[in-house]
Amino acid sequence: MLTKLGKRYTVVIAFLVLWEASVRFEWVDPQFIPPLTRVLQFIGEQAATGALAHHLLISLGRAAGGLAIALIAGVPLGIALAGWPDKIRIATRPVLEWLSHINPFVVFHIIIVFMGAGEPTKVSIIAWACIWPIMFSTLSGMIHADADIVKAARSFGLSRLRLTTKVLLPLAFPSILTGTRLAAGYALLFLIAAEMMGSSSGLGFMIYTAQANYQIVEMFSGVLIIAVLAIVLDGIMSAAGKWLGHPAIK
């Protein structure tokens, strides 16, 4: 197991070693890039005081909230779109794709007008970014379900509701998991950006404050924590796919 993990993250380990060596041997200016050991020391100090846990838990709560809203809305929307006639679905898809490409921070200013700059706005931005991959993946999984299985299920006289819940949704589940895994990455990405705008807590706020005060060690610490979070989150999603028996999303 350890050997497998070592092979998987060889490039990451090599990068971290290069990072430390390049600063120690002054291949790069330490004023702009601090040594990895100093960054890790600072993270340890922040963890010991509880400051890191405070920012981390707030950020994870925002990301989880946005992702949950996207799942609650995105899966039913994908199911509904799959039930539309082909011509209507094809006609509306360009509009949906256009909406999905709107930068959430363009919408951010519109949301502020109605909701202010509080927690709901930050969660809404994350939800906006996450809903599209979930919705499109659900739609794709539903309309590309195994035709023979669907035909056999229809021969038993199943209603549309039972066909959807008992046959189509289980067949579309791997696609939904794939969309959720992609959305989870978006949640983390847009979380940090949202926390840099009118926030007083969270990892994004931590990075923004460090950058504004030219606190290089603190800034790199925040970036490193986010990178580790992304790896852990992706690993959890991959493990969930394996546990549920869908190796396609490994």
C-alpha atoms as a PDB file:
ATOM      1  CA  MET A   1       0.000   0.000   0.000  1.00  0.00           C
ATOM      2  CA  LEU A   2       2.760   2.440   0.940  1.00  0.00           C
ATOM      3  CA  THR A   3       4.703   1.522  -2.207  1.00  0.00           C
ATOM      4  CA  LYS A   4       1.623   2.192  -4.335  1.00  0.00           C
ATOM      5  CA  LEU A   5       1.070   5.577  -2.714  1.00  0.00           C
ATOM      6  CA  GLY A   6       4.755   6.395  -3.121  1.00  0.00           C
ATOM      7  CA  LYS A   7       4.638   5.694  -6.851  1.00  0.00           C
ATOM      8  CA  ARG A   8       1.435   7.696  -7.230  1.00  0.00           C
ATOM      9  CA  TYR A   9       2.834  10.786  -5.540  1.00  0.00           C
ATOM     10  CA  THR A  10       6.453  10.552  -6.715  1.00  0.00           C
ATOM     11  CA  VAL A  11       6.182  13.804  -8.659  1.00  0.00           C
ATOM     12  CA  VAL A  12       4.638  15.589  -5.662  1.00  0.00           C
ATOM     13  CA  ILE A  13       7.381  14.343  -3.326  1.00  0.00           C
ATOM     14  CA  ALA A  14      10.061  15.319  -5.844  1.00  0.00           C
ATOM     15  CA  PHE A  15       8.542  18.793  -6.128  1.00  0.00           C
ATOM     16  CA  LEU A  16       8.557  19.254  -2.344  1.00  0.00           C
ATOM     17  CA  VAL A  17      12.199  18.144  -2.107  1.00  0.00           C
ATOM     18  CA  LEU A  18      13.120  20.517  -4.948  1.00  0.00           C
ATOM     19  CA  TRP A  19      11.245  23.332  -3.202  1.00  0.00           C
ATOM     20  CA  GLU A  20      13.259  22.911  -0.003  1.00  0.00           C
ATOM     21  CA  ALA A  21      16.579  22.436  -1.790  1.00  0.00           C
ATOM     22  CA  SER A  22      16.129  25.398  -4.137  1.00  0.00           C
ATOM     23  CA  VAL A  23      15.646  27.757  -1.184  1.00  0.00           C
ATOM     24  CA  ARG A  24      18.351  26.245   1.029  1.00  0.00           C
ATOM     25  CA  PHE A  25      20.933  26.439  -1.767  1.00  0.00           C
ATOM     26  CA  GLU A  26      19.617  29.898  -2.742  1.00  0.00           C
ATOM     27  CA  TRP A  27      18.688  28.925  -6.272  1.00  0.00           C
ATOM     28  CA  VAL A  28      15.686  31.176  -5.649  1.00  0.00           C
ATOM     29  CA  ASP A  29      15.366  34.283  -3.499  1.00  0.00           C
ATOM     30  CA  PRO A  30      14.170  33.329   0.034  1.00  0.00           C
ATOM     31  CA  GLN A  31      12.436  36.719   0.249  1.00  0.00           C
ATOM     32  CA  PHE A  32       9.914  35.509  -2.326  1.00  0.00           C
ATOM     33  CA  ILE A  33       9.794  31.749  -1.679  1.00  0.00           C
ATOM     34  CA  PRO A  34      10.233  30.499   1.898  1.00  0.00           C
ATOM     35  CA  PRO A  35      11.669  27.023   2.620  1.00  0.00           C
ATOM     36  CA  LEU A  36       9.137  24.207   2.921  1.00  0.00           C
ATOM     37  CA  THR A  37      10.294  23.398   6.460  1.00  0.00           C
ATOM     38  CA  ARG A  38       9.505  26.962   7.588  1.00  0.00           C
ATOM     39  CA  VAL A  39       6.063  26.752   6.008  1.00  0.00           C
ATOM     40  CA  LEU A  40       5.380  23.425   7.731  1.00  0.00           C
ATOM     41  CA  GLN A  41       6.610  24.880  11.031  1.00  0.00           C
ATOM     42  CA  PHE A  42       4.183  27.786  10.706  1.00  0.00           C
ATOM     43  CA  ILE A  43       1.308  25.404   9.913  1.00  0.00           C
ATOM     44  CA  GLY A  44       2.188  23.397  13.005  1.00  0.00           C
ATOM     45  CA  GLU A  45       2.198  26.550  15.135  1.00  0.00           C
ATOM     46  CA  GLN A  46      -1.188  27.617  13.770  1.00  0.00           C
ATOM     47  CA  ALA A  47      -2.589  24.146  14.373  1.00  0.00           C
ATOM     48  CA  ALA A  48      -1.337  24.202  17.970  1.00  0.00           C
ATOM     49  CA  THR A  49      -3.046  27.526  18.721  1.00  0.00           C
ATOM     50  CA  GLY A  50      -6.320  26.459  17.087  1.00  0.00           C
ATOM     51  CA  ALA A  51      -6.249  29.305  14.538  1.00  0.00           C
ATOM     52  CA  LEU A  52      -5.827  26.890  11.635  1.00  0.00           C
ATOM     53  CA  ALA A  53      -8.762  24.731  12.740  1.00  0.00           C
ATOM     54  CA  HIS A  54     -10.937  27.854  12.977  1.00  0.00           C
ATOM     55  CA  HIS A  55     -10.271  28.926   9.378  1.00  0.00           C
ATOM     56  CA  LEU A  56     -10.299  25.366   8.058  1.00  0.00           C
ATOM     57  CA  LEU A  57     -13.656  24.413   9.561  1.00  0.00           C
ATOM     58  CA  ILE A  58     -15.304  27.606   8.322  1.00  0.00           C
ATOM     59  CA  SER A  59     -13.983  27.030   4.791  1.00  0.00           C
ATOM     60  CA  LEU A  60     -15.035  23.385   4.750  1.00  0.00           C
ATOM     61  CA  GLY A  61     -18.497  24.351   5.977  1.00  0.00           C
ATOM     62  CA  ARG A  62     -18.926  26.847   3.150  1.00  0.00           C
ATOM     63  CA  ALA A  63     -17.670  24.399   0.538  1.00  0.00           C
ATOM     64  CA  ALA A  64     -19.886  21.579   1.855  1.00  0.00           C
ATOM     65  CA  GLY A  65     -22.910  23.877   1.919  1.00  0.00           C
ATOM     66  CA  GLY A  66     -22.428  24.988  -1.682  1.00  0.00           C
ATOM     67  CA  LEU A  67     -21.817  21.440  -2.880  1.00  0.00           C
ATOM     68  CA  ALA A  68     -24.883  20.144  -1.018  1.00  0.00           C
ATOM     69  CA  ILE A  69     -27.117  22.801  -2.608  1.00  0.00           C
ATOM     70  CA  ALA A  70     -25.677  21.943  -6.035  1.00  0.00           C
ATOM     71  CA  LEU A  71     -26.434  18.251  -5.506  1.00  0.00           C
ATOM     72  CA  ILE A  72     -29.956  18.897  -4.251  1.00  0.00           C
ATOM     73  CA  ALA A  73     -30.705  21.109  -7.267  1.00  0.00           C
ATOM     74  CA  GLY A  74     -28.452  19.633  -9.958  1.00  0.00           C
ATOM     75  CA  VAL A  75     -29.532  15.980  -9.845  1.00  0.00           C
ATOM     76  CA  PRO A  76     -33.297  16.712 -10.123  1.00  0.00           C
ATOM     77  CA  LEU A  77     -32.626  19.238 -12.900  1.00  0.00           C
ATOM     78  CA  GLY A  78     -30.622  16.639 -14.819  1.00  0.00           C
ATOM     79  CA  ILE A  79     -33.401  14.082 -14.354  1.00  0.00           C
ATOM     80  CA  ALA A  80     -36.020  16.603 -15.501  1.00  0.00           C
ATOM     81  CA  LEU A  81     -34.007  17.548 -18.601  1.00  0.00           C
ATOM     82  CA  ALA A  82     -33.582  13.878 -19.497  1.00  0.00           C
ATOM     83  CA  GLY A  83     -37.375  13.524 -19.546  1.00  0.00           C
ATOM     84  CA  TRP A  84     -37.873  16.327 -22.041  1.00  0.00           C
ATOM     85  CA  PRO A  85     -38.400  15.548 -25.755  1.00  0.00           C
ATOM     86  CA  ASP A  86     -35.121  15.380 -27.679  1.00  0.00           C
ATOM     87  CA  LYS A  87     -35.877  18.453 -29.822  1.00  0.00           C
ATOM     88  CA  ILE A  88     -36.615  20.667 -26.818  1.00  0.00           C
ATOM     89  CA  ARG A  89     -33.562  19.387 -24.933  1.00  0.00           C
ATOM     90  CA  ILE A  90     -31.284  20.021 -27.929  1.00  0.00           C
ATOM     91  CA  ALA A  91     -32.757  23.524 -28.358  1.00  0.00           C
ATOM     92  CA  THR A  92     -32.244  24.473 -24.700  1.00  0.00           C
ATOM     93  CA  ARG A  93     -28.782  22.939 -24.250  1.00  0.00           C
ATOM     94  CA  PRO A  94     -26.872  25.907 -25.796  1.00  0.00           C
ATOM     95  CA  VAL A  95     -28.587  28.258 -23.338  1.00  0.00           C
ATOM     96  CA  LEU A  96     -27.679  26.015 -20.397  1.00  0.00           C
ATOM     97  CA  GLU A  97     -24.086  25.729 -21.593  1.00  0.00           C
ATOM     98  CA  TRP A  98     -23.906  29.508 -21.932  1.00  0.00           C
ATOM     99  CA  LEU A  99     -25.175  29.905 -18.366  1.00  0.00           C
ATOM    100  CA  SER A 100     -22.632  27.361 -17.131  1.00  0.00           C
ATOM    101  CA  HIS A 101     -19.795  29.432 -18.593  1.00  0.00           C
ATOM    102  CA  ILE A 102     -20.813  32.625 -16.794  1.00  0.00           C
ATOM    103  CA  ASN A 103     -18.112  33.498 -14.296  1.00  0.00           C
ATOM    104  CA  PRO A 104     -19.607  33.159 -10.796  1.00  0.00           C
ATOM    105  CA  PHE A 105     -17.981  36.440  -9.802  1.00  0.00           C
ATOM    106  CA  VAL A 106     -20.007  38.242 -12.444  1.00  0.00           C
ATOM    107  CA  VAL A 107     -23.075  36.825 -10.698  1.00  0.00           C
ATOM    108  CA  PHE A 108     -21.482  37.687  -7.331  1.00  0.00           C
ATOM    109  CA  HIS A 109     -22.292  41.388  -7.647  1.00  0.00           C
ATOM    110  CA  ILE A 110     -25.882  40.634  -8.625  1.00  0.00           C
ATOM    111  CA  ILE A 111     -26.294  38.307  -5.640  1.00  0.00           C
ATOM    112  CA  ILE A 112     -24.900  40.977  -3.287  1.00  0.00           C
ATOM    113  CA  VAL A 113     -27.694  43.349  -4.343  1.00  0.00           C
ATOM    114  CA  PHE A 114     -30.312  40.873  -3.100  1.00  0.00           C
ATOM    115  CA  MET A 115     -28.487  38.989  -0.345  1.00  0.00           C
ATOM    116  CA  GLY A 116     -25.687  41.251   0.869  1.00  0.00           C
ATOM    117  CA  ALA A 117     -22.080  40.103   1.313  1.00  0.00           C
ATOM    118  CA  GLY A 118     -22.693  37.545   4.068  1.00  0.00           C
ATOM    119  CA  GLU A 119     -22.419  33.771   4.238  1.00  0.00           C
ATOM    120  CA  PRO A 120     -25.378  33.024   1.886  1.00  0.00           C
ATOM    121  CA  THR A 121     -23.618  34.916  -0.915  1.00  0.00           C
ATOM    122  CA  LYS A 122     -20.394  32.932  -0.563  1.00  0.00           C
ATOM    123  CA  VAL A 123     -22.278  29.630  -0.462  1.00  0.00           C
ATOM    124  CA  SER A 124     -24.370  30.705  -3.484  1.00  0.00           C
ATOM    125  CA  ILE A 125     -21.247  31.359  -5.554  1.00  0.00           C
ATOM    126  CA  ILE A 126     -19.926  27.883  -4.759  1.00  0.00           C
ATOM    127  CA  ALA A 127     -23.321  26.329  -5.531  1.00  0.00           C
ATOM    128  CA  TRP A 128     -23.497  28.171  -8.879  1.00  0.00           C
ATOM    129  CA  ALA A 129     -20.100  26.801  -9.911  1.00  0.00           C
ATOM    130  CA  CYS A 130     -20.900  23.253  -8.749  1.00  0.00           C
ATOM    131  CA  ILE A 131     -24.410  22.791 -10.078  1.00  0.00           C
ATOM    132  CA  TRP A 132     -23.473  22.618 -13.763  1.00  0.00           C
ATOM    133  CA  PRO A 133     -21.125  19.597 -13.800  1.00  0.00           C
ATOM    134  CA  ILE A 134     -23.596  17.722 -11.574  1.00  0.00           C
ATOM    135  CA  MET A 135     -26.581  18.586 -13.750  1.00  0.00           C
ATOM    136  CA  PHE A 136     -24.864  17.790 -17.056  1.00  0.00           C
ATOM    137  CA  SER A 137     -23.391  14.541 -15.705  1.00  0.00           C
ATOM    138  CA  THR A 138     -26.801  13.449 -14.437  1.00  0.00           C
ATOM    139  CA  LEU A 139     -28.361  14.305 -17.793  1.00  0.00           C
ATOM    140  CA  SER A 140     -25.648  12.413 -19.692  1.00  0.00           C
ATOM    141  CA  GLY A 141     -25.979   9.371 -17.462  1.00  0.00           C
ATOM    142  CA  MET A 142     -29.760   9.299 -17.884  1.00  0.00           C
ATOM    143  CA  ILE A 143     -29.921   9.668 -21.661  1.00  0.00           C
ATOM    144  CA  HIS A 144     -26.992   7.301 -22.306  1.00  0.00           C
ATOM    145  CA  ALA A 145     -28.222   4.541 -20.011  1.00  0.00           C
ATOM    146  CA  ASP A 146     -27.958   1.009 -21.413  1.00  0.00           C
ATOM    147  CA  ALA A 147     -30.768   0.857 -23.994  1.00  0.00           C
ATOM    148  CA  ASP A 148     -31.292  -2.911 -23.629  1.00  0.00           C
ATOM    149  CA  ILE A 149     -31.798  -2.640 -19.861  1.00  0.00           C
ATOM    150  CA  VAL A 150     -34.183   0.289 -20.257  1.00  0.00           C
ATOM    151  CA  LYS A 151     -36.144  -1.556 -22.965  1.00  0.00           C
ATOM    152  CA  ALA A 152     -36.407  -4.651 -20.772  1.00  0.00           C
ATOM    153  CA  ALA A 153     -37.616  -2.542 -17.827  1.00  0.00           C
ATOM    154  CA  ARG A 154     -40.256  -0.862 -19.978  1.00  0.00           C
ATOM    155  CA  SER A 155     -41.538  -4.251 -21.090  1.00  0.00           C
ATOM    156  CA  PHE A 156     -42.617  -4.865 -17.485  1.00  0.00           C
ATOM    157  CA  GLY A 157     -44.920  -1.860 -17.704  1.00  0.00           C
ATOM    158  CA  LEU A 158     -43.067   0.343 -15.214  1.00  0.00           C
ATOM    159  CA  SER A 159     -44.365   3.871 -14.761  1.00  0.00           C
ATOM    160  CA  ARG A 160     -42.118   6.783 -15.674  1.00  0.00           C
ATOM    161  CA  LEU A 161     -41.415   7.450 -11.980  1.00  0.00           C
ATOM    162  CA  ARG A 162     -40.518   3.832 -11.193  1.00  0.00           C
ATOM    163  CA  LEU A 163     -38.443   3.550 -14.367  1.00  0.00           C
ATOM    164  CA  THR A 164     -36.484   6.651 -13.340  1.00  0.00           C
ATOM    165  CA  THR A 165     -35.924   5.702  -9.694  1.00  0.00           C
ATOM    166  CA  LYS A 166     -35.436   1.937 -10.112  1.00  0.00           C
ATOM    167  CA  VAL A 167     -33.562   1.756 -13.417  1.00  0.00           C
ATOM    168  CA  LEU A 168     -32.312   5.032 -14.891  1.00  0.00           C
ATOM    169  CA  LEU A 169     -30.910   6.584 -11.703  1.00  0.00           C
ATOM    170  CA  PRO A 170     -28.865   3.492 -10.726  1.00  0.00           C
ATOM    171  CA  LEU A 171     -27.522   3.311 -14.284  1.00  0.00           C
ATOM    172  CA  ALA A 172     -26.660   7.022 -14.212  1.00  0.00           C
ATOM    173  CA  PHE A 173     -25.026   6.819 -10.770  1.00  0.00           C
ATOM    174  CA  PRO A 174     -21.410   6.519 -12.039  1.00  0.00           C
ATOM    175  CA  SER A 175     -21.926   9.659 -14.153  1.00  0.00           C
ATOM    176  CA  ILE A 176     -23.409  11.494 -11.180  1.00  0.00           C
ATOM    177  CA  LEU A 177     -20.403  10.530  -9.059  1.00  0.00           C
ATOM    178  CA  THR A 178     -18.058  11.781 -11.763  1.00  0.00           C
ATOM    179  CA  GLY A 179     -19.899  15.102 -11.911  1.00  0.00           C
ATOM    180  CA  THR A 180     -19.840  15.354  -8.118  1.00  0.00           C
ATOM    181  CA  ARG A 181     -16.095  14.707  -8.045  1.00  0.00           C
ATOM    182  CA  LEU A 182     -15.552  17.499 -10.559  1.00  0.00           C
ATOM    183  CA  ALA A 183     -17.911  19.791  -8.640  1.00  0.00           C
ATOM    184  CA  ALA A 184     -16.019  19.134  -5.409  1.00  0.00           C
ATOM    185  CA  GLY A 185     -12.888  20.536  -7.052  1.00  0.00           C
ATOM    186  CA  TYR A 186     -14.837  23.571  -8.207  1.00  0.00           C
ATOM    187  CA  ALA A 187     -16.185  24.039  -4.684  1.00  0.00           C
ATOM    188  CA  LEU A 188     -12.685  24.325  -3.279  1.00  0.00           C
ATOM    189  CA  LEU A 189     -11.487  26.577  -6.089  1.00  0.00           C
ATOM    190  CA  PHE A 190     -14.329  29.088  -5.873  1.00  0.00           C
ATOM    191  CA  LEU A 191     -14.428  28.891  -2.081  1.00  0.00           C
ATOM    192  CA  ILE A 192     -10.970  30.451  -1.841  1.00  0.00           C
ATOM    193  CA  ALA A 193     -11.829  33.192  -4.324  1.00  0.00           C
ATOM    194  CA  ALA A 194     -15.135  33.957  -2.556  1.00  0.00           C
ATOM    195  CA  GLU A 195     -13.359  34.225   0.799  1.00  0.00           C
ATOM    196  CA  MET A 196     -11.028  36.832  -0.638  1.00  0.00           C
ATOM    197  CA  MET A 197     -14.002  39.136  -1.253  1.00  0.00           C
ATOM    198  CA  GLY A 198     -15.549  40.667   1.846  1.00  0.00           C
ATOM    199  CA  SER A 199     -14.720  37.858   4.251  1.00  0.00           C
ATOM    200  CA  SER A 200     -13.177  37.902   7.719  1.00  0.00           C
ATOM    201  CA  SER A 201     -12.449  34.194   8.104  1.00  0.00           C
ATOM    202  CA  GLY A 202     -11.511  31.098   6.108  1.00  0.00           C
ATOM    203  CA  LEU A 203      -8.457  29.967   4.171  1.00  0.00           C
ATOM    204  CA  GLY A 204      -9.056  32.453   1.365  1.00  0.00           C
ATOM    205  CA  PHE A 205      -9.170  35.310   3.866  1.00  0.00           C
ATOM    206  CA  MET A 206      -5.983  33.962   5.446  1.00  0.00           C
ATOM    207  CA  ILE A 207      -4.147  34.016   2.099  1.00  0.00           C
ATOM    208  CA  TYR A 208      -5.516  37.424   1.112  1.00  0.00           C
ATOM    209  CA  THR A 209      -4.490  39.000   4.425  1.00  0.00           C
ATOM    210  CA  ALA A 210      -1.008  37.481   4.220  1.00  0.00           C
ATOM    211  CA  GLN A 211      -0.590  38.740   0.659  1.00  0.00           C
ATOM    212  CA  ALA A 212      -1.760  42.250   1.570  1.00  0.00           C
ATOM    213  CA  ASN A 213       0.754  42.409   4.450  1.00  0.00           C
ATOM    214  CA  TYR A 214       3.536  40.692   2.484  1.00  0.00           C
ATOM    215  CA  GLN A 215       3.662  37.778   4.919  1.00  0.00           C
ATOM    216  CA  ILE A 216       5.236  35.259   2.557  1.00  0.00           C
ATOM    217  CA  VAL A 217       5.395  32.286   4.942  1.00  0.00           C
ATOM    218  CA  GLU A 218       1.744  32.716   5.929  1.00  0.00           C
ATOM    219  CA  MET A 219       0.683  33.034   2.287  1.00  0.00           C
ATOM    220  CA  PHE A 220       2.524  29.880   1.193  1.00  0.00           C
ATOM    221  CA  SER A 221       1.130  28.052   4.223  1.00  0.00           C
ATOM    222  CA  GLY A 222      -2.414  28.795   3.086  1.00  0.00           C
ATOM    223  CA  VAL A 223      -1.656  27.702  -0.474  1.00  0.00           C
ATOM    224  CA  LEU A 224      -0.066  24.454   0.734  1.00  0.00           C
ATOM    225  CA  ILE A 225      -3.058  23.675   2.974  1.00  0.00           C
ATOM    226  CA  ILE A 226      -5.430  24.173   0.048  1.00  0.00           C
ATOM    227  CA  ALA A 227      -3.310  21.916  -2.172  1.00  0.00           C
ATOM    228  CA  VAL A 228      -3.361  19.171   0.468  1.00  0.00           C
ATOM    229  CA  LEU A 229      -7.116  19.634   0.897  1.00  0.00           C
ATOM    230  CA  ALA A 230      -7.618  19.203  -2.853  1.00  0.00           C
ATOM    231  CA  ILE A 231      -5.599  15.969  -2.869  1.00  0.00           C
ATOM    232  CA  VAL A 232      -7.452  14.614   0.178  1.00  0.00           C
ATOM    233  CA  LEU A 233     -10.839  15.556  -1.248  1.00  0.00           C
ATOM    234  CA  ASP A 234     -10.088  13.920  -4.577  1.00  0.00           C
ATOM    235  CA  GLY A 235      -8.833  10.814  -2.768  1.00  0.00           C
ATOM    236  CA  ILE A 236     -12.050  10.614  -0.743  1.00  0.00           C
ATOM    237  CA  MET A 237     -14.194  10.899  -3.867  1.00  0.00           C
ATOM    238  CA  SER A 238     -12.112   8.238  -5.622  1.00  0.00           C
ATOM    239  CA  ALA A 239     -12.344   5.920  -2.607  1.00  0.00           C
ATOM    240  CA  ALA A 240     -16.104   6.458  -2.460  1.00  0.00           C
ATOM    241  CA  GLY A 241     -16.378   5.423  -6.112  1.00  0.00           C
ATOM    242  CA  LYS A 242     -14.365   2.261  -5.478  1.00  0.00           C
ATOM    243  CA  TRP A 243     -16.357   1.428  -2.348  1.00  0.00           C
ATOM    244  CA  LEU A 244     -19.627   1.815  -4.233  1.00  0.00           C
ATOM    245  CA  GLY A 245     -18.310  -0.426  -6.982  1.00  0.00           C
ATOM    246  CA  HIS A 246     -17.834   2.114  -9.774  1.00  0.00           C
ATOM    247  CA  PRO A 247     -14.192   1.863 -10.888  1.00  0.00           C
ATOM    248  CA  ALA A 248     -14.888   4.178 -13.804  1.00  0.00           C
ATOM    249  CA  ILE A 249     -14.389   7.218 -11.551  1.00  0.00           C
ATOM    250  CA  LYS A 250     -11.071   6.087 -10.043  1.00  0.00           C
END
